[in-house]
């Protein structure tokens, strides 16, 4: 178990970032699914439009949406919400 600022990882609230584009139906689908999941599981979610940053465009391009852990920058999944991968990641916080 990792200790960060006197907290164990299991006592921290997971934080995620979705990198995507405003006019992307796959991005909207992932974001909607994550908002729905937030009704059952507590986590913070930040949405970042890659079109606002040339470095993000170069990094992610057409590989969107991408769900990333905000804490360790681990990619959870891309294109579609992979519930198995997300559940595996969230297991660290239980």
N, C-alpha and C. Protein backbone atom coordinates (compact mmCIF):
# COMPACT_ATOMS: atom_id res chain seq x y z
N UNK A 1 0.84 -1.17 0.00
CA UNK A 1 0.00 0.00 0.00
C UNK A 1 0.89 1.24 0.00
N UNK A 2 0.59 2.22 -0.84
CA UNK A 2 1.40 3.42 -0.98
C UNK A 2 0.94 4.47 0.03
N UNK A 3 1.89 5.13 0.65
CA UNK A 3 1.58 6.22 1.58
C UNK A 3 1.90 7.54 0.88
N UNK A 4 0.94 8.45 0.89
CA UNK A 4 1.14 9.78 0.32
C UNK A 4 0.61 10.79 1.31
N UNK A 5 1.47 11.66 1.79
CA UNK A 5 1.08 12.70 2.73
C UNK A 5 0.26 12.14 3.89
N UNK A 6 0.77 11.10 4.49
CA UNK A 6 0.15 10.45 5.65
C UNK A 6 -1.19 9.81 5.35
N UNK A 7 -1.52 9.56 4.11
CA UNK A 7 -2.74 8.86 3.74
C UNK A 7 -2.36 7.60 2.98
N UNK A 8 -3.06 6.53 3.24
CA UNK A 8 -2.86 5.35 2.42
C UNK A 8 -3.66 5.54 1.15
N UNK A 9 -3.24 4.87 0.10
CA UNK A 9 -3.94 5.01 -1.17
C UNK A 9 -5.40 4.58 -1.05
N UNK A 10 -5.69 3.62 -0.16
CA UNK A 10 -7.06 3.16 -0.01
C UNK A 10 -7.96 4.21 0.64
N UNK A 11 -7.39 5.20 1.32
CA UNK A 11 -8.22 6.23 1.94
C UNK A 11 -8.34 7.48 1.07
N UNK A 12 -7.65 7.49 -0.05
CA UNK A 12 -7.73 8.63 -0.96
C UNK A 12 -8.88 8.44 -1.95
N UNK A 13 -9.41 9.55 -2.42
CA UNK A 13 -10.47 9.52 -3.43
C UNK A 13 -9.81 9.46 -4.80
N UNK A 14 -10.17 8.49 -5.62
CA UNK A 14 -9.58 8.41 -6.96
C UNK A 14 -9.90 9.66 -7.79
N UNK A 15 -8.95 10.05 -8.62
CA UNK A 15 -9.12 11.21 -9.51
C UNK A 15 -8.76 10.79 -10.92
N UNK A 16 -9.61 11.14 -11.86
CA UNK A 16 -9.40 10.76 -13.25
C UNK A 16 -9.50 11.96 -14.17
N UNK A 17 -8.85 11.83 -15.31
CA UNK A 17 -8.93 12.83 -16.38
C UNK A 17 -9.38 12.11 -17.64
N UNK A 18 -10.33 12.69 -18.34
CA UNK A 18 -10.70 12.22 -19.67
C UNK A 18 -10.16 13.24 -20.66
N UNK A 19 -9.27 12.80 -21.54
CA UNK A 19 -8.80 13.63 -22.63
C UNK A 19 -9.65 13.31 -23.84
N UNK A 20 -10.22 14.36 -24.44
CA UNK A 20 -11.09 14.14 -25.59
C UNK A 20 -11.30 15.42 -26.37
N UNK A 21 -12.36 15.41 -27.14
CA UNK A 21 -12.76 16.57 -27.95
C UNK A 21 -14.24 16.83 -27.74
N UNK A 22 -14.61 18.08 -27.90
CA UNK A 22 -16.00 18.47 -27.69
C UNK A 22 -16.95 17.77 -28.66
N UNK A 23 -16.59 17.67 -29.91
CA UNK A 23 -17.47 17.08 -30.93
C UNK A 23 -17.14 15.61 -31.19
N UNK A 24 -16.91 14.85 -30.15
CA UNK A 24 -16.53 13.45 -30.28
C UNK A 24 -17.58 12.59 -29.58
N UNK A 25 -18.30 11.78 -30.37
CA UNK A 25 -19.37 10.98 -29.75
C UNK A 25 -18.82 9.91 -28.82
N UNK A 26 -17.65 9.35 -29.11
CA UNK A 26 -17.05 8.38 -28.19
C UNK A 26 -16.67 9.05 -26.86
N UNK A 27 -16.19 10.28 -26.95
CA UNK A 27 -15.84 11.03 -25.74
C UNK A 27 -17.09 11.28 -24.89
N UNK A 28 -18.16 11.72 -25.55
CA UNK A 28 -19.40 11.98 -24.82
C UNK A 28 -19.95 10.70 -24.19
N UNK A 29 -19.83 9.59 -24.89
CA UNK A 29 -20.29 8.30 -24.34
C UNK A 29 -19.50 7.93 -23.09
N UNK A 30 -18.16 8.08 -23.14
CA UNK A 30 -17.34 7.74 -21.98
C UNK A 30 -17.65 8.66 -20.80
N UNK A 31 -17.78 9.94 -21.07
CA UNK A 31 -18.05 10.90 -20.01
C UNK A 31 -19.41 10.62 -19.37
N UNK A 32 -20.42 10.34 -20.17
CA UNK A 32 -21.73 10.00 -19.63
C UNK A 32 -21.68 8.75 -18.77
N UNK A 33 -20.97 7.73 -19.23
CA UNK A 33 -20.85 6.49 -18.46
C UNK A 33 -20.13 6.75 -17.13
N UNK A 34 -19.11 7.59 -17.16
CA UNK A 34 -18.38 7.90 -15.92
C UNK A 34 -19.24 8.71 -14.96
N UNK A 35 -20.02 9.67 -15.48
CA UNK A 35 -20.93 10.43 -14.62
C UNK A 35 -21.98 9.50 -13.99
N UNK A 36 -22.47 8.55 -14.75
CA UNK A 36 -23.42 7.58 -14.22
C UNK A 36 -22.77 6.73 -13.13
N UNK A 37 -21.53 6.31 -13.36
CA UNK A 37 -20.81 5.51 -12.38
C UNK A 37 -20.55 6.29 -11.09
N UNK A 38 -20.39 7.61 -11.20
CA UNK A 38 -20.15 8.44 -10.02
C UNK A 38 -21.32 8.40 -9.03
N UNK A 39 -22.49 7.98 -9.47
CA UNK A 39 -23.63 7.83 -8.57
C UNK A 39 -23.44 6.64 -7.64
N UNK A 40 -22.55 5.72 -8.03
CA UNK A 40 -22.29 4.52 -7.23
C UNK A 40 -20.92 4.51 -6.58
N UNK A 41 -19.95 5.12 -7.23
CA UNK A 41 -18.56 5.11 -6.77
C UNK A 41 -18.07 6.56 -6.69
N UNK A 42 -17.44 6.90 -5.59
CA UNK A 42 -16.96 8.27 -5.40
C UNK A 42 -15.58 8.45 -6.05
N UNK A 43 -15.50 9.37 -7.02
CA UNK A 43 -14.24 9.74 -7.63
C UNK A 43 -14.39 11.10 -8.28
N UNK A 44 -13.28 11.80 -8.42
CA UNK A 44 -13.27 13.10 -9.08
C UNK A 44 -12.98 12.88 -10.56
N UNK A 45 -13.59 13.71 -11.39
CA UNK A 45 -13.43 13.59 -12.83
C UNK A 45 -13.19 14.95 -13.44
N UNK A 46 -12.12 15.05 -14.21
CA UNK A 46 -11.80 16.28 -14.94
C UNK A 46 -11.87 15.94 -16.43
N UNK A 47 -12.48 16.81 -17.19
CA UNK A 47 -12.59 16.65 -18.65
C UNK A 47 -11.67 17.68 -19.29
N UNK A 48 -10.78 17.22 -20.18
CA UNK A 48 -9.84 18.13 -20.86
C UNK A 48 -10.02 17.98 -22.36
N UNK A 49 -10.32 19.10 -23.02
CA UNK A 49 -10.44 19.15 -24.47
C UNK A 49 -9.03 19.28 -25.05
N UNK A 50 -8.57 18.26 -25.73
CA UNK A 50 -7.19 18.27 -26.24
C UNK A 50 -6.97 19.36 -27.29
N UNK A 51 -8.05 19.82 -27.93
CA UNK A 51 -7.90 20.84 -28.96
C UNK A 51 -7.45 22.19 -28.41
N UNK A 52 -7.43 22.33 -27.09
CA UNK A 52 -6.98 23.59 -26.48
C UNK A 52 -5.47 23.60 -26.22
N UNK A 53 -4.78 22.50 -26.57
CA UNK A 53 -3.35 22.39 -26.26
C UNK A 53 -2.66 21.58 -27.35
N UNK A 54 -1.72 22.22 -28.05
CA UNK A 54 -1.04 21.54 -29.17
C UNK A 54 -0.26 20.31 -28.70
N UNK A 55 0.29 20.34 -27.49
CA UNK A 55 1.01 19.18 -26.97
C UNK A 55 0.07 17.99 -26.76
N UNK A 56 -1.13 18.27 -26.26
CA UNK A 56 -2.11 17.19 -26.07
C UNK A 56 -2.58 16.64 -27.41
N UNK A 57 -2.74 17.51 -28.40
CA UNK A 57 -3.12 17.05 -29.74
C UNK A 57 -2.03 16.12 -30.27
N UNK A 58 -0.77 16.51 -30.11
CA UNK A 58 0.34 15.68 -30.59
C UNK A 58 0.40 14.35 -29.82
N UNK A 59 0.11 14.39 -28.52
CA UNK A 59 0.20 13.19 -27.71
C UNK A 59 -0.95 12.22 -27.95
N UNK A 60 -2.17 12.74 -28.06
CA UNK A 60 -3.33 11.86 -28.15
C UNK A 60 -3.96 11.79 -29.53
N UNK A 61 -3.88 12.85 -30.31
CA UNK A 61 -4.40 12.86 -31.68
C UNK A 61 -5.77 12.23 -31.80
N UNK A 62 -5.85 11.13 -32.51
CA UNK A 62 -7.12 10.44 -32.72
C UNK A 62 -7.38 9.34 -31.68
N UNK A 63 -6.45 9.17 -30.74
CA UNK A 63 -6.60 8.14 -29.70
C UNK A 63 -7.42 8.72 -28.53
N UNK A 64 -8.63 9.09 -28.84
CA UNK A 64 -9.50 9.67 -27.82
C UNK A 64 -10.85 8.98 -27.84
N UNK A 65 -11.56 9.00 -26.76
CA UNK A 65 -11.17 9.53 -25.47
C UNK A 65 -10.16 8.63 -24.78
N UNK A 66 -9.41 9.23 -23.86
CA UNK A 66 -8.44 8.48 -23.05
C UNK A 66 -8.76 8.77 -21.59
N UNK A 67 -8.90 7.71 -20.80
CA UNK A 67 -9.12 7.85 -19.36
C UNK A 67 -7.79 7.61 -18.66
N UNK A 68 -7.36 8.61 -17.89
CA UNK A 68 -6.06 8.59 -17.22
C UNK A 68 -6.28 8.81 -15.72
N UNK A 69 -5.47 8.14 -14.91
CA UNK A 69 -5.45 8.44 -13.48
C UNK A 69 -4.75 9.78 -13.29
N UNK A 70 -5.37 10.69 -12.58
CA UNK A 70 -4.76 12.00 -12.36
C UNK A 70 -3.58 11.92 -11.39
N UNK A 71 -3.53 10.88 -10.57
CA UNK A 71 -2.47 10.79 -9.57
C UNK A 71 -1.17 10.20 -10.11
N UNK A 72 -1.26 9.11 -10.85
CA UNK A 72 -0.03 8.48 -11.34
C UNK A 72 0.07 8.48 -12.87
N UNK A 73 -0.89 9.13 -13.52
CA UNK A 73 -0.92 9.29 -14.98
C UNK A 73 -0.96 7.95 -15.73
N UNK A 74 -1.48 6.93 -15.07
CA UNK A 74 -1.65 5.63 -15.70
C UNK A 74 -2.85 5.68 -16.63
N UNK A 75 -2.66 5.20 -17.87
CA UNK A 75 -3.79 5.11 -18.79
C UNK A 75 -4.65 3.92 -18.37
N UNK A 76 -5.92 4.19 -18.17
CA UNK A 76 -6.87 3.14 -17.79
C UNK A 76 -7.44 2.49 -19.05
N UNK A 77 -7.89 3.32 -19.98
CA UNK A 77 -8.45 2.81 -21.23
C UNK A 77 -8.56 3.95 -22.24
N UNK A 78 -8.84 3.59 -23.48
CA UNK A 78 -9.09 4.60 -24.51
C UNK A 78 -10.15 4.09 -25.48
N UNK A 79 -10.72 5.01 -26.23
CA UNK A 79 -11.82 4.77 -27.17
C UNK A 79 -13.14 4.46 -26.46
N UNK A 80 -13.16 3.44 -25.62
CA UNK A 80 -14.38 3.04 -24.91
C UNK A 80 -14.05 2.84 -23.44
N UNK A 81 -15.03 3.03 -22.57
CA UNK A 81 -14.83 2.79 -21.15
C UNK A 81 -14.72 1.29 -20.91
N UNK A 82 -13.56 0.86 -20.46
CA UNK A 82 -13.31 -0.54 -20.15
C UNK A 82 -13.56 -0.71 -18.65
N UNK A 83 -14.74 -1.24 -18.31
CA UNK A 83 -15.13 -1.36 -16.91
C UNK A 83 -14.22 -2.31 -16.15
N UNK A 84 -13.71 -3.34 -16.79
CA UNK A 84 -12.80 -4.27 -16.12
C UNK A 84 -11.51 -3.56 -15.73
N UNK A 85 -10.94 -2.80 -16.65
CA UNK A 85 -9.70 -2.06 -16.36
C UNK A 85 -9.95 -1.00 -15.29
N UNK A 86 -11.08 -0.32 -15.37
CA UNK A 86 -11.40 0.70 -14.37
C UNK A 86 -11.62 0.07 -13.00
N UNK A 87 -12.33 -1.04 -12.96
CA UNK A 87 -12.57 -1.73 -11.69
C UNK A 87 -11.26 -2.22 -11.09
N UNK A 88 -10.35 -2.73 -11.92
CA UNK A 88 -9.03 -3.17 -11.44
C UNK A 88 -8.28 -1.98 -10.83
N UNK A 89 -8.35 -0.84 -11.47
CA UNK A 89 -7.68 0.33 -10.95
C UNK A 89 -8.33 0.80 -9.64
N UNK A 90 -9.65 0.84 -9.61
CA UNK A 90 -10.37 1.28 -8.41
C UNK A 90 -10.18 0.34 -7.22
N UNK A 91 -9.84 -0.91 -7.48
CA UNK A 91 -9.62 -1.87 -6.39
C UNK A 91 -8.50 -1.42 -5.46
N UNK A 92 -7.58 -0.60 -5.95
CA UNK A 92 -6.50 -0.08 -5.13
C UNK A 92 -7.02 0.83 -4.02
N UNK A 93 -8.22 1.38 -4.22
CA UNK A 93 -8.76 2.37 -3.30
C UNK A 93 -9.77 1.77 -2.32
N UNK A 94 -9.99 0.48 -2.38
CA UNK A 94 -10.98 -0.14 -1.50
C UNK A 94 -10.33 -0.64 -0.24
